[in-house]
Structures are given as C-alpha cells and as structure tokens.
N, C-alpha and C. Protein backbone atom coordinates (compact mmCIF):
# COMPACT_ATOMS: atom_id res chain seq x y z
N UNK A 1 15.18 -10.80 86.87
CA UNK A 1 14.73 -9.42 86.14
C UNK A 1 16.13 -8.41 86.05
N UNK A 2 15.94 -7.48 84.82
CA UNK A 2 16.96 -7.06 84.49
C UNK A 2 16.53 -5.48 84.84
N UNK A 3 17.38 -4.41 84.99
CA UNK A 3 16.98 -2.94 85.06
C UNK A 3 17.53 -2.07 83.97
N UNK A 4 16.94 -0.99 83.60
CA UNK A 4 16.68 -0.89 82.23
C UNK A 4 16.48 0.80 82.54
N UNK A 5 17.76 1.93 82.18
CA UNK A 5 17.17 3.26 81.81
C UNK A 5 16.69 3.69 80.77
N UNK A 6 15.68 4.03 80.60
CA UNK A 6 14.79 4.47 78.97
C UNK A 6 15.23 5.89 78.86
N UNK A 7 15.60 6.41 77.95
CA UNK A 7 15.25 8.22 77.66
C UNK A 7 14.90 8.47 76.33
N UNK A 8 13.29 9.21 76.70
CA UNK A 8 12.39 9.38 76.01
C UNK A 8 12.15 10.78 75.58
N UNK A 9 11.58 11.35 74.64
CA UNK A 9 11.26 12.40 74.26
C UNK A 9 9.85 12.35 75.12
N UNK A 10 9.78 13.96 75.93
CA UNK A 10 8.44 14.10 76.88
C UNK A 10 7.93 15.57 76.09
N UNK A 11 7.09 15.99 76.31
CA UNK A 11 6.64 17.20 76.20
C UNK A 11 5.90 18.15 76.82
N UNK A 12 5.03 18.73 76.45
CA UNK A 12 4.68 19.51 76.91
C UNK A 12 5.72 20.88 77.56
N UNK A 13 6.16 21.74 76.53
CA UNK A 13 7.50 22.18 76.76
C UNK A 13 7.32 23.48 76.19
N UNK A 14 7.99 23.18 74.94
CA UNK A 14 7.73 24.44 74.00
C UNK A 14 7.55 23.88 72.53
N UNK A 15 7.09 24.79 71.68
CA UNK A 15 6.57 24.35 70.22
C UNK A 15 8.16 23.99 69.71
N UNK A 16 8.52 22.83 68.74
CA UNK A 16 9.26 22.36 68.31
C UNK A 16 10.23 21.84 69.35
N UNK A 17 10.14 21.64 70.72
CA UNK A 17 11.23 21.34 71.65
C UNK A 17 10.79 20.30 72.14
N UNK A 18 11.48 19.27 72.82
CA UNK A 18 11.35 18.28 74.09
C UNK A 18 11.88 18.06 75.04
N UNK A 19 11.52 17.15 76.03
CA UNK A 19 12.40 17.45 77.18
C UNK A 19 12.84 15.76 77.53
N UNK A 20 13.98 15.82 77.55
CA UNK A 20 15.18 14.36 77.68
C UNK A 20 14.15 14.03 78.87
N UNK A 21 13.36 13.17 78.85
CA UNK A 21 13.05 12.48 80.28
C UNK A 21 13.80 11.09 80.45
N UNK A 22 14.29 11.01 81.29
CA UNK A 22 15.03 9.30 82.03
C UNK A 22 14.02 8.83 82.79
N UNK A 23 13.61 7.86 82.72
CA UNK A 23 12.93 6.91 82.79
C UNK A 23 13.78 5.45 83.33
N UNK A 24 13.49 5.04 85.00
CA UNK A 24 13.67 3.76 85.16
C UNK A 24 12.83 2.34 85.38
N UNK A 25 13.06 1.44 84.56
CA UNK A 25 12.19 0.53 84.69
C UNK A 25 13.11 -1.14 84.99
N UNK A 26 12.27 -1.83 85.65
CA UNK A 26 12.64 -2.91 86.43
C UNK A 26 11.83 -3.81 85.60
N UNK A 27 12.55 -4.64 84.28
CA UNK A 27 11.44 -5.47 83.41
C UNK A 27 12.54 -6.60 82.84
N UNK A 28 11.81 -7.26 81.78
CA UNK A 28 12.76 -8.57 81.37
C UNK A 28 13.79 -8.39 80.38
N UNK A 29 13.34 -7.50 79.44
CA UNK A 29 14.24 -7.23 78.20
C UNK A 29 13.74 -5.67 78.33
N UNK A 30 14.87 -5.37 76.78
CA UNK A 30 14.85 -3.47 76.50
C UNK A 30 13.32 -3.60 75.95
N UNK A 31 12.89 -4.46 74.93
CA UNK A 31 11.67 -4.01 74.19
C UNK A 31 10.16 -3.82 75.17
N UNK A 32 10.24 -4.70 76.10
CA UNK A 32 9.38 -4.47 77.32
C UNK A 32 9.85 -2.95 77.64
N UNK A 33 10.78 -2.78 78.18
CA UNK A 33 11.00 -1.41 78.76
C UNK A 33 10.65 -0.52 78.16
N UNK A 34 10.84 -0.16 76.57
CA UNK A 34 10.63 0.46 75.75
C UNK A 34 8.76 0.77 75.73
N UNK A 35 8.17 -0.50 75.52
CA UNK A 35 6.83 -0.14 75.38
C UNK A 35 5.97 0.04 76.80
N UNK A 36 6.73 0.00 77.96
CA UNK A 36 5.88 0.66 79.42
C UNK A 36 6.31 1.85 79.51
N UNK A 37 7.21 2.55 78.99
CA UNK A 37 7.52 3.80 78.83
C UNK A 37 6.65 4.80 77.82
N UNK A 38 6.57 3.98 76.80
CA UNK A 38 5.60 4.81 75.43
C UNK A 38 4.09 4.76 76.14
N UNK A 39 3.80 4.34 76.81
CA UNK A 39 2.80 4.79 77.69
C UNK A 39 2.31 5.36 78.83
N UNK A 40 3.85 5.98 78.79
CA UNK A 40 3.82 6.61 80.52
C UNK A 40 3.31 8.18 80.41
N UNK A 41 3.02 8.55 81.16
CA UNK A 41 2.25 10.33 81.06
C UNK A 41 3.29 10.60 80.75
N UNK A 42 3.10 12.13 79.86
CA UNK A 42 4.13 13.21 79.16
C UNK A 42 4.85 12.51 78.42
N UNK A 43 4.87 11.18 77.98
CA UNK A 43 6.15 10.76 76.88
C UNK A 43 5.21 11.32 75.18
N UNK A 44 5.92 11.66 74.40
CA UNK A 44 5.75 11.98 73.18
C UNK A 44 5.27 10.57 72.44
N UNK A 45 3.57 10.11 73.02
CA UNK A 45 3.80 8.79 71.85
C UNK A 45 3.19 8.79 70.75
N UNK A 46 2.62 10.14 70.05
CA UNK A 46 2.69 9.69 68.78
C UNK A 46 3.72 10.22 67.94
N UNK A 47 4.95 10.07 68.07
CA UNK A 47 6.34 10.26 67.50
C UNK A 47 6.63 9.05 67.68
N UNK A 48 7.12 8.81 66.17
CA UNK A 48 7.84 7.66 65.65
C UNK A 48 9.08 7.02 66.58
N UNK A 49 9.71 7.95 67.14
CA UNK A 49 10.98 8.17 67.68
C UNK A 49 11.00 8.65 69.33
N UNK A 50 10.20 8.02 69.78
CA UNK A 50 9.50 8.90 70.71
C UNK A 50 10.80 8.50 72.15
N UNK A 51 11.39 7.21 71.74
CA UNK A 51 12.15 6.46 72.80
C UNK A 51 13.79 6.64 71.77
N UNK A 52 14.39 7.43 72.64
CA UNK A 52 15.44 7.79 72.19
C UNK A 52 16.96 6.51 72.47
N UNK A 53 16.83 6.13 73.53
CA UNK A 53 17.72 4.82 73.99
C UNK A 53 17.29 4.14 75.14
N UNK A 54 18.04 3.02 74.90
CA UNK A 54 17.29 1.87 76.37
C UNK A 54 18.54 0.99 76.51
N UNK A 55 19.02 1.74 78.04
CA UNK A 55 20.43 1.06 78.51
C UNK A 55 20.20 0.28 79.59
N UNK A 56 21.08 -1.17 79.45
CA UNK A 56 20.83 -1.78 80.86
C UNK A 56 21.44 -1.26 81.90
N UNK A 57 21.18 -1.39 83.33
CA UNK A 57 21.90 -0.71 84.24
C UNK A 57 21.96 -1.76 85.42
N UNK A 58 22.90 -1.53 86.48
CA UNK A 58 23.14 -1.85 87.68
C UNK A 58 21.74 -2.04 88.68
N UNK A 59 21.65 -2.77 89.52
CA UNK A 59 20.81 -1.88 90.65
C UNK A 59 20.81 -1.05 91.14
N UNK A 60 22.59 -0.61 91.66
CA UNK A 60 22.13 0.87 92.31
C UNK A 60 22.07 2.24 91.46
N UNK A 61 22.46 2.05 90.32
CA UNK A 61 21.95 3.05 89.33
C UNK A 61 20.43 3.03 89.10
N UNK A 62 19.98 2.03 89.59
CA UNK A 62 18.34 1.66 89.09
C UNK A 62 17.82 2.66 90.59
N UNK A 63 17.87 2.07 91.42
CA UNK A 63 17.68 2.61 92.77
C UNK A 63 18.23 4.25 92.61
N UNK A 64 19.11 5.02 92.55
CA UNK A 64 20.10 6.34 92.18
C UNK A 64 18.87 6.91 91.38
N UNK A 65 18.67 6.51 90.17
CA UNK A 65 17.46 6.97 89.22
C UNK A 65 16.18 7.22 89.87
N UNK A 66 15.88 6.07 90.30
CA UNK A 66 14.53 6.34 90.49
C UNK A 66 13.98 7.40 91.87
N UNK A 67 15.24 7.57 92.52
CA UNK A 67 15.13 8.60 93.76
C UNK A 67 15.58 10.02 92.47
N UNK A 68 16.14 9.99 91.79
CA UNK A 68 16.34 11.48 91.26
C UNK A 68 15.16 11.56 90.22
N UNK A 69 14.36 10.63 89.93
CA UNK A 69 13.34 10.80 89.31
C UNK A 69 12.16 11.35 89.89
N UNK A 70 12.04 10.62 91.07
CA UNK A 70 10.88 11.16 91.96
C UNK A 70 10.74 12.56 92.35
N UNK A 71 12.45 13.00 92.46
CA UNK A 71 12.43 14.21 93.04
C UNK A 71 12.46 15.56 91.62
N UNK A 72 12.25 14.72 90.39
CA UNK A 72 12.52 15.97 89.61
C UNK A 72 11.21 16.64 89.29
N UNK A 73 11.41 18.11 89.01
CA UNK A 73 10.41 18.74 89.40
C UNK A 73 9.28 18.47 87.80
N UNK A 74 9.73 18.35 87.03
CA UNK A 74 9.12 17.88 85.74
C UNK A 74 8.40 17.24 85.72
N UNK A 75 8.62 16.02 86.78
CA UNK A 75 7.47 14.77 86.54
C UNK A 75 6.42 14.81 88.20
N UNK A 76 7.00 15.96 88.94
CA UNK A 76 6.28 16.29 89.75
C UNK A 76 5.01 17.11 89.50
N UNK A 77 5.10 18.03 88.90
CA UNK A 77 4.37 19.38 88.59
C UNK A 77 2.97 18.72 87.91
N UNK A 78 1.53 19.15 88.24
CA UNK A 78 0.48 18.88 88.11
C UNK A 78 -0.25 19.98 87.16
N UNK A 79 0.14 21.43 86.89
CA UNK A 79 -0.26 22.51 86.31
C UNK A 79 0.67 23.22 85.46
N UNK A 80 0.09 23.90 84.61
CA UNK A 80 1.14 24.81 83.44
C UNK A 80 1.54 25.54 84.20
N UNK A 81 0.94 26.03 85.44
CA UNK A 81 1.46 27.19 85.99
C UNK A 81 2.92 26.97 86.87
N UNK A 82 2.38 25.85 87.52
CA UNK A 82 3.36 25.21 88.16
C UNK A 82 4.63 24.91 87.39
N UNK A 83 4.84 24.35 86.60
CA UNK A 83 5.66 24.07 85.00
C UNK A 83 6.93 24.96 84.65
N UNK A 84 6.07 26.65 84.79
CA UNK A 84 6.20 27.38 84.35
C UNK A 84 7.54 28.08 85.30
N UNK A 85 7.18 27.84 86.61
CA UNK A 85 7.82 28.43 87.46
C UNK A 85 9.01 27.65 87.72
N UNK A 86 9.61 26.78 87.01
CA UNK A 86 10.97 25.58 87.09
C UNK A 86 11.10 25.45 85.57
N UNK A 87 10.90 25.58 84.86
CA UNK A 87 11.30 25.31 83.57
C UNK A 87 12.66 26.21 83.19
N UNK A 88 12.86 27.03 83.21
CA UNK A 88 13.93 27.77 83.26
C UNK A 88 15.45 26.97 83.52
N UNK A 89 14.84 26.14 84.71
CA UNK A 89 16.03 25.28 85.70
C UNK A 89 16.63 24.18 84.68
N UNK A 90 15.18 23.66 84.00
CA UNK A 90 15.64 22.70 83.22
C UNK A 90 16.16 22.59 81.48
N UNK A 91 16.71 23.51 81.10
CA UNK A 91 16.97 24.04 79.99
C UNK A 91 18.15 23.12 79.34
N UNK A 92 18.51 22.79 80.10
CA UNK A 92 19.91 21.71 79.47
C UNK A 92 19.24 20.51 79.33
N UNK A 93 18.20 20.00 79.46
CA UNK A 93 17.42 18.98 79.00
C UNK A 93 16.26 19.21 77.75
N UNK A 94 16.26 20.36 77.82
CA UNK A 94 15.58 20.70 76.91
C UNK A 94 16.17 21.09 75.38
N UNK A 95 15.33 20.10 74.45
CA UNK A 95 16.24 20.03 73.04
C UNK A 95 15.33 20.46 71.86
N UNK A 96 15.95 20.62 70.63
CA UNK A 96 15.11 21.16 69.84
C UNK A 96 14.65 19.38 68.66
N UNK A 97 13.82 19.81 68.33
CA UNK A 97 12.88 17.99 67.54
C UNK A 97 13.86 17.90 66.74
N UNK A 98 14.15 16.45 67.08
CA UNK A 98 14.84 15.56 66.00
C UNK A 98 14.55 15.97 64.36
N UNK A 99 15.51 15.88 63.51
CA UNK A 99 15.68 16.09 62.38
C UNK A 99 14.13 15.10 61.84
N UNK A 100 14.13 14.13 62.06
CA UNK A 100 13.17 13.07 61.51
C UNK A 100 11.66 13.43 61.40
N UNK A 101 11.35 14.11 62.96
CA UNK A 101 10.09 14.79 63.09
C UNK A 101 9.76 15.86 62.17
N UNK A 102 11.20 16.67 61.85
CA UNK A 102 10.69 17.92 61.42
C UNK A 102 10.15 17.54 59.92
N UNK A 103 10.84 16.29 59.49
CA UNK A 103 11.07 16.22 58.25
C UNK A 103 9.34 15.24 57.74
N UNK A 104 9.06 14.70 59.08
CA UNK A 104 7.66 14.17 58.80
C UNK A 104 6.34 15.25 58.77
N UNK A 105 6.92 16.33 59.59
CA UNK A 105 5.92 17.43 59.84
C UNK A 105 5.92 17.72 58.33
N UNK A 106 6.87 18.14 57.75
CA UNK A 106 7.04 18.64 56.60
C UNK A 106 6.18 18.28 55.43
N UNK A 107 6.14 16.77 55.31
CA UNK A 107 5.45 15.75 54.61
C UNK A 107 3.65 15.48 54.73
N UNK A 108 3.64 15.69 55.78
CA UNK A 108 2.24 15.74 56.26
C UNK A 108 1.46 17.44 56.35
N UNK A 109 2.28 18.22 56.81
CA UNK A 109 1.46 19.67 56.98
C UNK A 109 1.84 20.07 55.36
N UNK A 110 1.23 20.72 54.60
CA UNK A 110 1.24 21.60 53.06
C UNK A 110 1.77 22.63 53.68
N UNK A 111 1.07 23.28 54.94
CA UNK A 111 1.45 24.53 55.57
C UNK A 111 2.51 24.59 56.37
N UNK A 112 3.31 23.43 56.54
CA UNK A 112 4.48 23.84 57.58
C UNK A 112 5.24 25.24 57.26
N UNK A 113 5.65 25.08 55.39
CA UNK A 113 6.85 26.07 55.22
C UNK A 113 6.25 27.19 55.55
N UNK A 114 4.95 27.67 54.81
CA UNK A 114 4.49 29.00 55.11
C UNK A 114 4.30 29.47 56.59
N UNK A 115 4.09 28.29 57.41
CA UNK A 115 3.75 28.66 59.06
C UNK A 115 5.37 28.95 59.67
N UNK A 116 6.15 27.50 59.38
CA UNK A 116 7.54 27.84 60.62
C UNK A 116 8.38 28.58 59.84
N UNK A 117 8.69 28.53 58.50
CA UNK A 117 10.25 28.84 57.88
C UNK A 117 9.31 30.20 56.63
N UNK A 118 8.83 31.29 57.45
CA UNK A 118 8.56 32.32 56.79
C UNK A 118 9.68 33.24 56.33
N UNK A 119 9.82 33.61 55.10
CA UNK A 119 11.29 34.49 55.35
C UNK A 119 10.23 35.62 54.55
N UNK A 120 10.85 37.00 55.22
CA UNK A 120 10.43 38.50 54.62
C UNK A 120 9.02 38.61 54.33
N UNK A 121 8.30 38.45 55.18
CA UNK A 121 6.73 38.00 55.05
C UNK A 121 6.45 39.44 55.46
N UNK A 122 5.23 40.27 54.82
CA UNK A 122 4.66 41.42 55.58
C UNK A 122 3.74 41.08 55.75
N UNK A 123 3.36 41.98 56.74
CA UNK A 123 1.91 41.73 57.56
C UNK A 123 0.96 42.41 56.83
N UNK A 124 0.05 42.42 56.41
CA UNK A 124 -0.90 43.23 55.69
C UNK A 124 -1.82 43.99 56.89
N UNK A 125 -2.22 45.05 57.03
CA UNK A 125 -2.43 46.33 57.78
C UNK A 125 -3.92 46.47 57.32
N UNK A 126 -5.03 46.52 58.63
CA UNK A 126 -6.12 47.03 58.43
C UNK A 126 -6.41 47.58 59.52
N UNK A 127 -6.73 48.99 59.59
CA UNK A 127 -6.97 49.62 60.31
C UNK A 127 -6.28 49.71 61.30
N UNK A 128 -4.88 49.52 61.31
CA UNK A 128 -3.91 49.82 62.36
C UNK A 128 -3.66 48.43 63.17
N UNK A 129 -4.48 47.55 62.65
CA UNK A 129 -4.15 46.20 63.50
C UNK A 129 -3.83 45.42 62.55
N UNK A 130 -3.67 44.00 62.49
CA UNK A 130 -2.98 42.67 61.40
C UNK A 130 -4.41 42.64 61.16
N UNK A 131 -4.29 41.80 59.81
CA UNK A 131 -4.99 41.74 59.12
C UNK A 131 -5.91 40.36 59.47
N UNK A 132 -7.34 40.71 59.24
CA UNK A 132 -8.08 39.64 59.94
C UNK A 132 -8.21 38.30 59.36
N UNK A 133 -8.28 37.44 59.95
CA UNK A 133 -8.32 35.94 59.57
C UNK A 133 -9.79 35.67 58.15
N UNK A 134 -10.66 36.29 58.84
CA UNK A 134 -12.11 35.91 58.46
C UNK A 134 -12.71 37.29 58.42
N UNK A 135 -12.30 38.52 57.39
CA UNK A 135 -13.25 39.56 57.23
C UNK A 135 -14.72 39.42 57.37
N UNK A 136 -15.12 38.48 56.76
CA UNK A 136 -16.54 38.43 56.46
C UNK A 136 -17.43 37.90 57.65
N UNK A 137 -16.88 37.13 58.67
CA UNK A 137 -17.06 37.07 59.86
C UNK A 137 -16.96 38.25 60.71
N UNK A 138 -15.96 38.85 60.64
CA UNK A 138 -15.45 40.27 61.33
C UNK A 138 -17.17 41.07 61.07
N UNK A 139 -16.90 41.67 59.70
CA UNK A 139 -17.91 42.41 59.55
C UNK A 139 -18.95 41.88 60.11
N UNK A 140 -19.85 40.79 59.45
CA UNK A 140 -20.85 40.47 60.05
C UNK A 140 -21.32 40.56 61.76
N UNK A 141 -20.46 40.35 62.18
CA UNK A 141 -20.56 40.26 64.10
C UNK A 141 -20.46 42.07 64.57
N UNK A 142 -19.60 43.07 63.75
CA UNK A 142 -19.13 44.53 64.01
C UNK A 142 -20.05 45.17 63.05
N UNK A 143 -20.77 45.29 62.38
CA UNK A 143 -21.51 46.01 61.32
C UNK A 143 -21.39 47.48 61.86
N UNK A 144 -21.41 47.41 62.97
CA UNK A 144 -20.78 48.83 63.37
C UNK A 144 -20.18 49.73 62.99
N UNK A 145 -18.48 48.98 62.93
CA UNK A 145 -17.24 49.56 62.10
C UNK A 145 -17.43 50.24 60.79
N UNK A 146 -17.97 49.19 60.25
CA UNK A 146 -17.76 49.58 58.81
C UNK A 146 -19.27 49.55 58.27
N UNK A 147 -19.82 50.83 58.32
CA UNK A 147 -21.48 50.96 57.78
C UNK A 147 -21.72 51.01 56.23
N UNK A 148 -20.40 51.01 55.48
CA UNK A 148 -20.46 50.77 54.31
C UNK A 148 -20.44 49.34 53.65
N UNK A 149 -20.35 48.50 54.70
CA UNK A 149 -19.84 46.81 54.10
C UNK A 149 -21.51 46.48 53.89
N UNK A 150 -21.54 45.78 52.60
CA UNK A 150 -23.16 45.47 52.49
C UNK A 150 -23.14 44.16 52.66
N UNK A 151 -22.14 43.73 53.23
CA UNK A 151 -22.48 41.82 53.37
C UNK A 151 -23.19 41.54 54.83
N UNK A 152 -22.98 42.44 55.38
CA UNK A 152 -24.04 42.07 56.79
C UNK A 152 -25.62 42.20 56.78
C-alpha cells in the first residue's frame, strides 16, 4: 500500500472561493486516492477540477498529516455558526475560484455577466426602497399600499 496527500477544493466558505483541503489516503494508486476524496464530505464534487493535486508521501508524513487533518477545525465543525467562529484564522487556505470554473460558469449561465460583472449600474428606486423584483405580486399582496393600483 502507498500513502497519498490529496489537495482538493472544499466548499461552504464564500461565494466564488474555495478552501484548499489537504486529505491523506492509504491506497494502491493515485487514481483511487482521487476517487476516494471526490466522495468525501465538503469537497466540491460538481467541479471538474475539484482535485488540485495528488502526491505520494512517506508513512511519517501520512501519519503527521492525519493528525493535522483531525485537528483542523474546518473538518471538525458541524454547523455554519461553528465555522464562522474560526474561518478568519484559515484565510491563508481560502483561495479565489480557478479560471476554469469561472469560464464554465460564464458559458453555462447567461446571467453570469449581469450578476457578477456589473459596471456602473444604477439601482432604480421605488418609494425610497430598492426596485421590486416582482411588482405585480407585491401589489397583489399589499393592496393597501397603493390604492390606485388596478391589478389587485
């Protein structure tokens, strides 16, 4: 059996960012190590490039890495509240999304540019508030707000 360190993209951090998780696996080859980690919790399984690297290591490194992984608070937390308490300490391991993933988002999502790359957009104002997403629904639910509205 061989020992591997697998670096993978982990989620539940911030939009358009990922946590660089170091996993340690004891298996026969690098391909099996990658497959095992792709099914691990917190790994971004839906990304084609979720496995960043697979390196063969010695038994001592494997043993120390397992201890380090078990002591990492990112892998120990159970709720979002617990994660927020220590996420600032792990800033060095939080990285921007890869160029490949950003290009994939742009190609699949027709609203990507309008949502993520807004430039000089003006927010329309309605009665001192931001513009409503669905004004007809708003007026239907709150007819007392605008009595002159005929759609209710």
